[in-house]
N, C-alpha and C. Protein backbone atom coordinates (compact mmCIF):
# COMPACT_ATOMS: atom_id res chain seq x y z
N UNK A 1 1.01 -1.91 -0.40
CA UNK A 1 0.22 0.17 -0.09
C UNK A 1 0.71 0.65 0.48
N UNK A 2 0.36 2.61 -0.75
CA UNK A 2 1.95 3.08 -0.99
C UNK A 2 0.94 4.31 0.66
N UNK A 3 1.99 5.14 0.58
CA UNK A 3 1.76 5.77 1.86
C UNK A 3 0.49 6.98 1.41
N UNK A 4 0.18 7.69 2.02
CA UNK A 4 -1.19 8.16 2.14
C UNK A 4 -1.17 9.14 3.32
N UNK A 5 -1.52 10.46 3.43
CA UNK A 5 -0.97 12.10 3.91
C UNK A 5 -2.48 11.90 4.60
N UNK A 6 -3.28 11.94 5.87
CA UNK A 6 -3.95 12.23 6.62
C UNK A 6 -4.15 13.42 7.65
N UNK A 7 -5.00 13.38 8.08
CA UNK A 7 -5.21 14.43 8.72
C UNK A 7 -5.10 14.05 10.61
N UNK A 8 -4.70 14.36 11.17
CA UNK A 8 -5.59 14.54 12.12
C UNK A 8 -7.27 14.29 13.12
N UNK A 9 -7.71 15.40 12.16
CA UNK A 9 -8.50 15.60 12.46
C UNK A 9 -9.47 14.46 11.70
N UNK A 10 -9.25 14.28 10.35
CA UNK A 10 -9.41 12.53 9.92
C UNK A 10 -9.67 11.58 10.83
N UNK A 11 -8.33 11.45 11.23
CA UNK A 11 -8.14 9.96 12.69
C UNK A 11 -8.91 10.45 13.87
N UNK A 12 -9.18 11.78 14.35
CA UNK A 12 -9.73 12.42 15.67
C UNK A 12 -11.55 11.88 15.39
N UNK A 13 -11.85 12.48 14.29
CA UNK A 13 -12.97 11.67 14.26
C UNK A 13 -13.75 10.78 13.81
N UNK A 14 -12.81 8.98 13.23
CA UNK A 14 -12.83 8.01 13.05
C UNK A 14 -13.15 7.32 14.71
N UNK A 15 -11.78 7.77 15.65
CA UNK A 15 -11.92 7.35 16.86
C UNK A 15 -12.75 7.59 17.29
N UNK A 16 -13.93 9.01 17.30
CA UNK A 16 -14.33 8.86 18.07
C UNK A 16 -16.48 8.63 17.73
N UNK A 17 -16.31 7.95 16.51
CA UNK A 17 -17.14 6.94 15.77
C UNK A 17 -16.65 5.46 16.49
N UNK A 18 -15.94 5.85 16.87
CA UNK A 18 -15.24 3.77 17.07
C UNK A 18 -16.10 3.76 19.06
N UNK A 19 -17.11 2.56 19.22
CA UNK A 19 -17.15 2.55 20.45
C UNK A 19 -16.49 1.77 21.36
N UNK A 20 -16.10 2.80 22.57
CA UNK A 20 -15.61 2.70 23.53
C UNK A 20 -15.34 1.30 24.00
N UNK A 21 -14.47 0.82 24.81
CA UNK A 21 -14.23 -0.80 24.60
C UNK A 21 -13.21 -0.62 26.34
N UNK A 22 -12.70 0.13 27.21
CA UNK A 22 -12.02 0.22 28.26
C UNK A 22 -13.80 0.87 29.59
N UNK A 23 -14.35 0.42 29.72
CA UNK A 23 -15.49 0.95 30.46
C UNK A 23 -15.94 1.63 29.44
N UNK A 24 -16.34 3.39 30.03
CA UNK A 24 -17.23 4.20 28.94
C UNK A 24 -15.50 4.80 28.21
N UNK A 25 -15.09 4.59 27.94
CA UNK A 25 -13.50 5.50 27.27
C UNK A 25 -12.42 3.99 26.33
N UNK A 26 -12.44 5.26 25.54
CA UNK A 26 -11.55 5.17 24.21
C UNK A 26 -10.81 4.87 24.02
N UNK A 27 -9.86 3.65 24.23
CA UNK A 27 -8.33 3.77 24.96
C UNK A 27 -7.42 4.08 23.20
N UNK A 28 -6.52 4.68 23.49
CA UNK A 28 -6.11 4.46 21.86
C UNK A 28 -4.89 4.57 22.20
N UNK A 29 -3.78 3.62 21.92
CA UNK A 29 -2.94 2.82 22.78
C UNK A 29 -1.81 3.42 20.93
N UNK A 30 0.03 4.75 21.87
CA UNK A 30 0.46 4.54 20.32
C UNK A 30 2.15 4.39 20.78
N UNK A 31 2.33 2.69 19.67
CA UNK A 31 3.75 2.28 20.13
C UNK A 31 4.51 2.46 19.15
N UNK A 32 5.19 2.02 19.18
CA UNK A 32 6.64 2.15 18.59
C UNK A 32 7.87 2.13 18.82
N UNK A 33 9.47 2.13 18.04
CA UNK A 33 10.56 2.22 18.97
C UNK A 33 10.68 3.35 19.67
N UNK A 34 11.83 3.90 20.53
CA UNK A 34 11.77 4.60 20.92
C UNK A 34 12.71 6.00 19.66
N UNK A 35 12.26 6.99 19.48
CA UNK A 35 12.80 7.76 18.60
C UNK A 35 12.46 8.39 17.85
N UNK A 36 11.13 7.04 17.72
CA UNK A 36 10.18 7.66 16.31
C UNK A 36 9.27 8.31 15.75
N UNK A 37 9.03 8.76 17.26
CA UNK A 37 7.61 10.80 16.85
C UNK A 37 6.86 9.90 17.98
N UNK A 38 6.39 9.05 18.69
CA UNK A 38 5.08 8.66 19.19
C UNK A 38 4.71 9.88 20.40
N UNK A 39 5.68 10.19 20.38
CA UNK A 39 4.97 11.44 21.72
C UNK A 39 4.65 12.96 20.46
N UNK A 40 5.41 12.87 19.72
CA UNK A 40 4.30 14.10 19.30
C UNK A 40 3.34 13.23 18.96
N UNK A 41 3.84 13.06 17.78
CA UNK A 41 2.55 12.50 16.95
C UNK A 41 1.18 12.14 18.65
N UNK A 42 1.27 11.63 19.02
CA UNK A 42 0.28 11.70 20.01
C UNK A 42 -0.28 12.58 20.63
N UNK A 43 0.59 13.57 20.97
CA UNK A 43 -0.10 15.55 21.22
C UNK A 43 -0.54 16.12 20.39
N UNK A 44 -0.14 15.48 19.11
CA UNK A 44 -1.29 15.94 18.41
C UNK A 44 -2.30 15.19 17.97
N UNK A 45 -2.46 14.28 18.32
CA UNK A 45 -3.74 13.62 18.06
C UNK A 45 -4.76 14.36 18.83
N UNK A 46 -3.85 14.41 20.11
CA UNK A 46 -4.63 14.76 21.65
C UNK A 46 -5.62 16.11 21.69
N UNK A 47 -4.52 17.39 20.70
CA UNK A 47 -4.60 18.12 20.34
C UNK A 47 -6.81 17.85 19.48
N UNK A 48 -6.29 17.30 18.43
CA UNK A 48 -6.58 16.99 17.14
C UNK A 48 -9.12 16.45 17.68
N UNK A 49 -8.29 15.94 19.16
CA UNK A 49 -9.76 15.01 19.33
C UNK A 49 -9.93 16.24 20.32
N UNK A 50 -9.69 17.48 21.12
CA UNK A 50 -9.96 18.42 21.46
C UNK A 50 -10.86 19.05 20.41
N UNK A 51 -10.39 19.70 19.28
CA UNK A 51 -11.28 20.18 18.82
C UNK A 51 -12.42 19.64 18.14
N UNK A 52 -11.99 18.21 18.35
CA UNK A 52 -12.96 17.68 17.36
C UNK A 52 -14.10 17.64 17.97
N UNK A 53 -13.97 17.51 20.00
CA UNK A 53 -15.08 17.32 20.86
C UNK A 53 -15.63 19.03 21.00
N UNK A 54 -15.02 20.25 20.66
CA UNK A 54 -15.25 20.74 21.22
C UNK A 54 -14.97 21.85 22.37
N UNK A 55 -13.47 21.12 22.33
CA UNK A 55 -13.40 21.31 23.47
C UNK A 55 -11.84 22.95 23.43
N UNK A 56 -12.64 24.04 24.44
CA UNK A 56 -11.46 24.69 24.50
C UNK A 56 -9.82 24.77 25.76
N UNK A 57 -9.90 24.22 26.77
CA UNK A 57 -9.25 23.11 27.20
C UNK A 57 -8.50 22.46 27.22
N UNK A 58 -7.76 22.01 27.27
CA UNK A 58 -7.65 20.39 27.07
C UNK A 58 -7.98 19.46 27.74
N UNK A 59 -8.29 17.92 27.50
CA UNK A 59 -9.19 17.30 27.73
C UNK A 59 -9.03 15.68 27.53
N UNK A 60 -7.47 15.45 26.55
CA UNK A 60 -7.61 13.93 26.23
C UNK A 60 -6.86 14.04 26.84
N UNK A 61 -6.40 12.64 28.19
CA UNK A 61 -5.04 12.67 28.73
C UNK A 61 -4.47 12.39 27.96
N UNK A 62 -3.49 12.16 27.98
CA UNK A 62 -2.16 11.51 27.42
C UNK A 62 -1.41 10.72 28.01
N UNK A 63 -0.99 9.83 28.70
CA UNK A 63 -0.25 9.08 29.53
C UNK A 63 0.75 8.48 29.12
N UNK A 64 1.80 7.50 29.47
CA UNK A 64 3.89 8.36 28.89
C UNK A 64 3.82 7.18 29.68
N UNK A 65 4.24 5.78 28.84
CA UNK A 65 4.30 4.56 29.88
C UNK A 65 5.82 5.22 30.75
N UNK A 66 6.62 5.62 30.14
CA UNK A 66 7.92 6.00 30.51
C UNK A 66 8.24 6.69 31.73
N UNK A 67 6.73 7.66 32.40
CA UNK A 67 6.26 7.63 33.52
C UNK A 67 5.98 6.50 34.18
N UNK A 68 5.96 5.97 34.09
CA UNK A 68 5.60 4.50 34.77
C UNK A 68 6.53 3.46 35.60
N UNK A 69 7.73 3.32 34.52
CA UNK A 69 8.14 3.07 35.23
C UNK A 69 9.70 3.06 35.64
N UNK A 70 9.52 2.07 36.58
CA UNK A 70 10.23 2.57 37.69
C UNK A 70 11.89 1.94 37.29
N UNK A 71 13.03 3.27 36.88
CA UNK A 71 13.63 2.79 36.20
C UNK A 71 14.13 1.63 34.92
N UNK A 72 15.18 1.77 33.77
CA UNK A 72 15.40 0.92 33.02
C UNK A 72 15.44 -0.31 32.66
N UNK A 73 15.17 -0.92 34.06
CA UNK A 73 15.28 -1.98 33.88
C UNK A 73 13.34 -2.73 34.03
N UNK A 74 12.93 -1.62 34.06
CA UNK A 74 11.65 -2.01 34.37
C UNK A 74 10.79 -1.88 32.76
N UNK A 75 11.75 -2.23 31.57
CA UNK A 75 10.88 -1.59 30.16
C UNK A 75 9.87 -2.32 29.89
N UNK A 76 9.48 -3.85 30.49
CA UNK A 76 8.11 -4.25 30.12
C UNK A 76 7.56 -4.63 31.20
N UNK A 77 8.04 -4.71 32.65
CA UNK A 77 7.46 -5.60 33.89
C UNK A 77 6.67 -4.48 34.36
N UNK A 78 6.18 -2.94 34.26
CA UNK A 78 5.84 -1.78 35.12
C UNK A 78 4.29 -1.77 34.48
N UNK A 79 3.78 -2.59 33.33
CA UNK A 79 2.23 -3.57 33.03
C UNK A 79 1.49 -3.36 34.74
N UNK A 80 1.76 -3.85 35.50
CA UNK A 80 0.50 -4.77 36.72
C UNK A 80 -0.15 -3.21 37.27
N UNK A 81 1.40 -2.19 36.93
CA UNK A 81 1.08 -1.11 37.66
C UNK A 81 0.71 -0.20 37.01
N UNK A 82 0.50 0.05 35.91
CA UNK A 82 0.13 0.68 34.77
C UNK A 82 -1.42 -0.03 35.16
N UNK A 83 -2.24 -1.00 35.19
CA UNK A 83 -3.29 -1.61 35.14
C UNK A 83 -4.48 -1.63 36.80
N UNK A 84 -3.09 -1.71 37.77
CA UNK A 84 -4.03 -0.57 38.95
C UNK A 84 -4.10 0.31 39.22
N UNK A 85 -3.23 1.44 38.02
CA UNK A 85 -3.44 2.73 38.76
C UNK A 85 -4.13 3.29 37.51
N UNK A 86 -4.17 2.74 36.83
CA UNK A 86 -4.14 3.88 34.91
C UNK A 86 -6.34 2.96 34.73
N UNK A 87 -5.55 1.82 34.34
CA UNK A 87 -6.61 0.91 33.42
C UNK A 87 -7.75 0.72 34.52
N UNK A 88 -7.41 -0.37 35.44
CA UNK A 88 -8.54 -0.47 36.36
C UNK A 88 -10.45 0.12 36.32
N UNK A 89 -9.09 1.21 37.20
CA UNK A 89 -9.83 1.90 37.18
C UNK A 89 -11.16 3.20 36.11
N UNK A 90 -10.28 3.12 34.94
CA UNK A 90 -11.33 3.40 33.66
C UNK A 90 -12.25 2.76 33.87
N UNK A 91 -11.89 1.00 33.50
CA UNK A 91 -12.59 0.72 33.05
C UNK A 91 -14.14 0.59 34.50
N UNK A 92 -14.43 0.59 35.34
CA UNK A 92 -15.14 1.10 36.82
C UNK A 92 -15.50 2.22 36.01
N UNK A 93 -15.32 3.73 35.41
CA UNK A 93 -15.67 4.82 35.27
C UNK A 93 -14.85 5.87 36.32
N UNK A 94 -14.09 5.23 37.16
CA UNK A 94 -13.09 5.78 37.93
C UNK A 94 -12.31 7.35 37.42
N UNK A 95 -11.34 7.52 38.13
CA UNK A 95 -10.66 8.32 37.38
C UNK A 95 -9.63 6.84 37.45
N UNK A 96 -8.21 6.74 37.36
CA UNK A 96 -7.58 6.60 37.81
C UNK A 96 -5.94 7.90 37.68
N UNK A 97 -5.21 6.84 38.22
CA UNK A 97 -3.74 8.06 39.32
C UNK A 97 -2.85 7.39 38.95
N UNK A 98 -1.34 8.27 38.53
CA UNK A 98 -0.27 7.26 38.51
C UNK A 98 0.34 8.73 39.44
N UNK A 99 1.89 7.93 39.68
CA UNK A 99 2.89 8.42 40.52
C UNK A 99 3.82 7.86 39.58
N UNK A 100 4.49 10.02 39.38
CA UNK A 100 5.11 9.87 37.92
C UNK A 100 6.48 9.67 38.14
N UNK A 101 7.42 9.23 37.29
CA UNK A 101 8.61 8.64 37.77
C UNK A 101 9.99 10.15 37.22
N UNK A 102 10.69 9.76 38.35
CA UNK A 102 11.91 10.81 38.44
C UNK A 102 12.65 9.94 37.54
N UNK A 103 13.05 10.98 36.71
CA UNK A 103 14.52 9.79 36.17
C UNK A 103 15.88 9.99 36.83
N UNK A 104 15.68 11.79 36.12
CA UNK A 104 17.00 12.24 37.53
C UNK A 104 17.18 11.52 38.32
N UNK A 105 16.44 11.50 39.66
CA UNK A 105 16.70 11.15 41.12
C UNK A 105 16.36 9.47 41.01
N UNK A 106 15.84 9.09 40.33
CA UNK A 106 15.72 7.81 40.71
C UNK A 106 14.73 7.37 41.40
N UNK A 107 13.72 8.00 41.68
CA UNK A 107 11.72 7.23 42.12
C UNK A 107 11.24 8.00 41.76
N UNK A 108 9.80 7.33 42.08
CA UNK A 108 8.68 8.10 42.17
C UNK A 108 8.20 9.15 42.36
N UNK A 109 7.93 10.18 41.92
CA UNK A 109 7.53 11.25 42.78
C UNK A 109 6.18 11.17 43.70
N UNK A 110 6.32 11.77 44.77
CA UNK A 110 5.03 11.53 45.64
C UNK A 110 3.32 11.89 45.58
N UNK A 111 3.55 12.89 44.74
CA UNK A 111 2.01 12.92 44.35
C UNK A 111 1.27 12.31 43.26
N UNK A 112 0.06 12.06 43.39
CA UNK A 112 -0.59 11.58 42.18
C UNK A 112 -1.13 12.60 41.46
N UNK A 113 -1.15 11.96 39.34
CA UNK A 113 -1.35 12.32 38.42
C UNK A 113 -2.27 12.08 38.29
N UNK A 114 -3.61 12.56 37.56
CA UNK A 114 -4.95 12.18 38.18
C UNK A 114 -4.89 11.78 35.94
N UNK A 115 -6.06 10.70 35.69
CA UNK A 115 -6.10 10.27 34.53
C UNK A 115 -7.83 10.25 34.63
N UNK A 116 -8.21 10.94 33.91
CA UNK A 116 -9.78 10.70 34.41
C UNK A 116 -10.35 9.96 33.39
N UNK A 117 -11.46 9.75 33.97
CA UNK A 117 -12.66 9.02 32.48
C UNK A 117 -12.95 9.62 31.10
N UNK A 118 -12.31 10.23 30.93
CA UNK A 118 -12.43 11.26 29.04
C UNK A 118 -12.92 10.07 28.38
N UNK A 119 -13.68 10.56 27.59
CA UNK A 119 -14.01 10.57 25.63
C UNK A 119 -13.22 9.01 25.16
N UNK A 120 -11.59 10.27 25.40
CA UNK A 120 -11.22 8.90 24.76
C UNK A 120 -9.22 9.47 25.88
N UNK A 121 -8.66 8.06 26.28
CA UNK A 121 -6.92 8.52 26.74
C UNK A 121 -6.15 7.57 25.63
N UNK A 122 -5.49 8.47 25.61
CA UNK A 122 -4.27 8.17 24.86
C UNK A 122 -2.80 7.26 25.34
N UNK A 123 -2.61 6.43 25.53
CA UNK A 123 -1.38 5.30 25.68
C UNK A 123 -0.53 5.22 25.18
N UNK A 124 0.64 6.63 25.62
CA UNK A 124 1.90 6.71 24.27
C UNK A 124 2.82 5.76 25.38
N UNK A 125 3.59 5.09 24.39
CA UNK A 125 5.32 4.34 24.69
C UNK A 125 5.00 3.04 24.36
N UNK A 126 6.63 2.63 23.97
CA UNK A 126 6.90 1.02 23.98
C UNK A 126 5.89 0.33 24.87
N UNK A 127 5.36 -1.10 23.79
CA UNK A 127 4.97 -2.31 24.31
C UNK A 127 3.50 -1.31 24.15
N UNK A 128 3.04 -0.07 24.68
CA UNK A 128 1.19 -0.09 24.68
C UNK A 128 0.24 -0.25 24.25
N UNK A 129 0.76 -1.16 22.79
CA UNK A 129 -0.33 -2.26 21.91
C UNK A 129 -0.06 -3.72 21.58
N UNK A 130 0.27 -4.26 23.24
CA UNK A 130 0.85 -4.44 23.13
C UNK A 130 -0.27 -6.07 23.16
N UNK A 131 -0.54 -6.79 23.19
CA UNK A 131 -1.29 -7.87 22.52
C UNK A 131 -2.62 -8.00 23.76
N UNK A 132 -2.03 -7.85 25.01
CA UNK A 132 -2.81 -7.97 26.59
C UNK A 132 -4.36 -7.24 26.35
N UNK A 133 -3.29 -5.72 25.81
CA UNK A 133 -4.47 -4.57 26.37
C UNK A 133 -5.32 -4.40 24.63
N UNK A 134 -5.26 -5.10 23.88
CA UNK A 134 -5.44 -4.91 22.47
C UNK A 134 -6.97 -5.48 22.06
N UNK A 135 -7.90 -6.41 22.83
CA UNK A 135 -9.20 -6.60 22.52
C UNK A 135 -10.42 -5.33 23.37
N UNK A 136 -9.29 -4.34 24.70
CA UNK A 136 -9.25 -2.63 24.79
C UNK A 136 -9.91 -1.79 24.00
N UNK A 137 -8.50 -1.93 23.31
CA UNK A 137 -8.25 -0.40 22.67
C UNK A 137 -8.81 -0.20 21.12
N UNK A 138 -9.76 1.01 21.11
CA UNK A 138 -10.15 2.42 20.27
C UNK A 138 -9.10 1.57 18.83
N UNK A 139 -8.90 1.91 19.04
CA UNK A 139 -7.51 2.42 18.29
C UNK A 139 -5.88 1.81 18.34
N UNK A 140 -5.10 0.81 17.69
CA UNK A 140 -3.64 0.71 18.38
C UNK A 140 -3.28 1.58 16.66
N UNK A 141 -1.86 2.34 17.37
CA UNK A 141 -0.97 2.85 16.50
C UNK A 141 0.13 2.94 16.89
N UNK A 142 1.21 2.37 15.11
CA UNK A 142 2.93 1.49 14.86
C UNK A 142 3.47 2.68 14.16
N UNK A 143 4.41 4.12 15.39
CA UNK A 143 4.96 5.06 15.39
C UNK A 143 6.18 4.24 14.54
N UNK A 144 7.11 3.84 13.12
CA UNK A 144 7.46 3.60 12.62
C UNK A 144 8.54 4.52 12.30
N UNK A 145 10.16 4.16 12.59
CA UNK A 145 11.29 5.13 11.63
C UNK A 145 12.55 3.98 11.55
N UNK A 146 13.67 4.86 10.85
CA UNK A 146 14.25 4.01 10.13
C UNK A 146 14.99 4.15 11.31
N UNK A 147 15.66 2.87 11.73
CA UNK A 147 16.77 2.89 13.36
C UNK A 147 17.57 3.74 13.36
N UNK A 148 18.27 3.95 11.94
CA UNK A 148 19.42 5.28 12.77
C UNK A 148 18.83 6.49 13.05
N UNK A 149 17.79 6.92 11.99
CA UNK A 149 16.90 7.96 12.90
C UNK A 149 16.77 7.96 14.16
N UNK A 150 15.91 7.54 14.36
CA UNK A 150 15.43 6.50 15.57
C UNK A 150 16.97 6.86 16.75
N UNK A 151 17.33 6.25 16.84
CA UNK A 151 19.22 6.65 17.41
C UNK A 151 19.74 7.59 17.60
N UNK A 152 19.36 8.43 16.58
CA UNK A 152 19.49 9.73 16.24
C UNK A 152 19.46 10.54 17.05
N UNK A 153 17.70 10.41 17.33
CA UNK A 153 16.86 11.15 17.90
C UNK A 153 16.25 11.14 19.60
N UNK A 154 17.25 9.77 20.01
CA UNK A 154 17.09 9.21 21.07
C UNK A 154 18.35 10.48 21.78
N UNK A 155 19.64 9.47 21.05
CA UNK A 155 20.84 10.46 21.43
C UNK A 155 20.32 12.11 22.18
N UNK A 156 20.11 12.84 20.87
CA UNK A 156 20.09 14.06 20.79
C UNK A 156 18.92 14.27 22.04
N UNK A 157 17.81 13.99 22.33
CA UNK A 157 17.26 13.69 23.80
C UNK A 157 18.08 13.94 25.16
N UNK A 158 18.74 12.36 24.75
CA UNK A 158 18.76 12.08 26.40
C UNK A 158 20.34 11.99 26.11
N UNK A 159 21.12 11.97 25.21
CA UNK A 159 22.66 12.09 25.86
C UNK A 159 23.35 11.59 25.42
N UNK A 160 24.69 11.46 25.28
CA UNK A 160 25.46 10.26 25.33
C UNK A 160 25.96 9.30 26.00
N UNK A 161 26.11 9.76 27.13
CA UNK A 161 25.72 9.66 28.55
C UNK A 161 24.53 8.42 28.99
N UNK A 162 23.77 8.19 28.25
CA UNK A 162 23.11 6.96 28.02
C UNK A 162 23.17 5.66 27.53
N UNK A 163 24.25 6.26 26.26
CA UNK A 163 24.18 5.29 25.60
C UNK A 163 24.00 3.22 25.75
N UNK A 164 25.07 3.14 26.86
CA UNK A 164 24.78 2.13 27.18
C UNK A 164 23.20 1.41 27.67
N UNK A 165 22.73 2.37 28.72
CA UNK A 165 20.76 2.13 28.61
C UNK A 165 19.96 2.05 27.69
N UNK A 166 20.42 2.77 26.72
CA UNK A 166 19.58 2.73 25.81
C UNK A 166 19.79 1.43 24.30
N UNK A 167 21.14 0.90 24.57
CA UNK A 167 21.40 -0.17 23.27
C UNK A 167 20.81 -1.38 23.71
N UNK A 168 20.83 -1.24 24.93
CA UNK A 168 19.64 -2.19 26.37
C UNK A 168 18.53 -2.27 25.93
N UNK A 169 18.17 -1.25 25.49
CA UNK A 169 17.07 -0.67 25.41
C UNK A 169 16.43 -1.31 23.92
N UNK A 170 16.66 -0.53 22.96
CA UNK A 170 16.66 -0.72 21.95
C UNK A 170 16.77 -2.57 20.80
N UNK A 171 17.33 -2.87 22.16
CA UNK A 171 17.32 -3.95 22.36
C UNK A 171 15.75 -5.07 22.24
N UNK A 172 15.53 -4.71 23.13
CA UNK A 172 14.71 -5.00 24.38
C UNK A 172 13.33 -4.81 22.93
N UNK A 173 12.92 -3.48 22.56
CA UNK A 173 12.22 -3.24 21.66
C UNK A 173 11.94 -3.89 20.63
N UNK A 174 13.07 -4.42 20.27
CA UNK A 174 13.40 -5.78 18.37
C UNK A 174 12.61 -6.94 19.20
N UNK A 175 12.99 -7.18 20.29
CA UNK A 175 12.54 -8.74 20.69
C UNK A 175 10.61 -8.53 20.87
N UNK A 176 10.95 -7.16 21.87
CA UNK A 176 9.24 -6.98 21.95
C UNK A 176 8.49 -7.69 20.53
N UNK A 177 8.45 -6.32 20.15
CA UNK A 177 8.24 -6.35 18.80
C UNK A 177 8.06 -7.23 17.47
N UNK A 178 9.52 -8.23 17.82
CA UNK A 178 8.88 -9.48 16.88
C UNK A 178 7.83 -10.75 17.81
N UNK A 179 8.47 -10.42 18.87
CA UNK A 179 7.25 -11.59 19.46
C UNK A 179 6.23 -11.48 19.71
N UNK A 180 5.80 -10.31 19.63
CA UNK A 180 4.46 -9.44 20.11
C UNK A 180 3.61 -9.27 18.44
N UNK A 181 4.50 -9.48 17.09
CA UNK A 181 3.83 -9.23 16.00
C UNK A 181 3.36 -7.61 16.09
N UNK A 182 3.81 -7.10 17.32
CA UNK A 182 3.24 -5.21 16.97
C UNK A 182 2.01 -4.38 15.85
N UNK A 183 3.91 -4.61 14.73
CA UNK A 183 3.66 -4.34 13.43
C UNK A 183 2.47 -4.87 13.16
N UNK A 184 2.08 -6.23 12.77
CA UNK A 184 1.34 -6.76 11.91
C UNK A 184 -0.03 -6.36 12.50
N UNK A 185 -0.51 -7.37 14.10
CA UNK A 185 -1.21 -6.39 14.78
C UNK A 185 -2.06 -4.84 14.69
N UNK A 186 -2.08 -4.07 14.67
CA UNK A 186 -2.33 -3.12 14.99
C UNK A 186 -2.71 -2.44 13.67
N UNK A 187 -3.89 -1.41 13.84
CA UNK A 187 -4.64 -0.77 12.78
C UNK A 187 -4.05 0.16 11.91
N UNK A 188 -3.21 1.08 13.04
CA UNK A 188 -3.01 1.94 11.98
C UNK A 188 -1.29 2.20 11.82
N UNK A 189 -0.13 2.06 10.84
CA UNK A 189 1.32 2.31 11.20
C UNK A 189 1.47 4.06 10.34
N UNK A 190 2.23 4.08 11.39
CA UNK A 190 2.59 5.42 10.69
C UNK A 190 4.12 5.81 10.26
N UNK A 191 4.01 6.66 9.40
CA UNK A 191 5.90 7.57 9.10
C UNK A 191 6.28 8.35 9.72
N UNK A 192 7.02 8.29 10.87
CA UNK A 192 7.44 9.27 12.21
C UNK A 192 8.73 9.96 11.80
N UNK A 193 9.10 9.05 9.71
CA UNK A 193 9.81 9.78 9.93
C UNK A 193 10.27 11.22 8.55
N UNK A 194 8.85 10.74 8.23
CA UNK A 194 7.78 11.57 7.00
C UNK A 194 7.65 13.01 6.97
N UNK A 195 7.90 13.59 8.39
CA UNK A 195 7.71 14.85 9.38
C UNK A 195 8.63 16.38 10.07
N UNK A 196 8.13 16.46 10.87
CA UNK A 196 6.83 16.70 10.54
C UNK A 196 6.34 17.69 9.38
N UNK A 197 4.78 17.12 9.00
CA UNK A 197 5.09 17.83 7.33
C UNK A 197 4.33 18.83 8.09
N UNK A 198 3.40 18.83 9.09
CA UNK A 198 2.76 19.95 9.56
C UNK A 198 1.75 19.52 10.85
N UNK A 199 1.18 20.44 11.69
CA UNK A 199 1.00 20.09 12.82
C UNK A 199 -0.78 19.19 12.66
N UNK A 200 -1.13 19.18 11.40
CA UNK A 200 -2.55 18.87 11.14
C UNK A 200 -2.21 17.50 10.71
N UNK A 201 -1.07 17.61 9.83
CA UNK A 201 -1.31 16.31 8.59
C UNK A 201 0.30 15.20 8.84
N UNK A 202 -0.29 14.05 9.04
CA UNK A 202 0.70 12.57 9.35
C UNK A 202 0.50 11.79 7.84
N UNK A 203 1.86 11.05 7.37
CA UNK A 203 2.04 9.89 6.70
C UNK A 203 1.44 8.72 7.90
N UNK A 204 0.48 8.22 6.80
CA UNK A 204 -0.02 6.81 6.50
C UNK A 204 0.16 5.57 6.10
N UNK A 205 1.30 4.26 6.84
CA UNK A 205 1.76 4.02 5.64
C UNK A 205 0.86 2.64 5.31
N UNK A 206 0.07 2.17 6.66
CA UNK A 206 -0.74 1.46 6.08
C UNK A 206 -2.05 1.28 7.29
């Protein structure tokens, strides 16, 4: 399939037409390797969803899985914490909440970040579209980019001092995506290297 340019507004409208599968919430997963452009995509989609529901103030929560990891070694084992703090309450129609991990201090912050049971909640991060949660997702997205570009972006963001951790992290990503067959299962594959075209559109690969 040839790449297609699609607007975030069009995607937001499609999501809002889909049924909620996590309680009354449409959960959208934005997965992909580190440095591919997941955070940018999730943020722009949240803005489009707010516009589609005529909201002036931001109301579409974006939960970043990196905020729930207990350090580098918790790359995939954080999920029970996410489920207990965020997903289980949303299933019950109640606000979720989580302690945000401070990567500089190496510990969770004492305060809670609240996740309201909004019409749409975006879950962004590596393994966010894992098989376990697939039945409860309204939409799953995989943002892809060439490995070299992902590496360069990650180094620019995190610094050369973290090369050893990033190397192990990227090895874990590749193993997870292959075992989970993430790219084959998701609803939408996005080219994270194609832009940003502008804040209104993205390139859909599949």
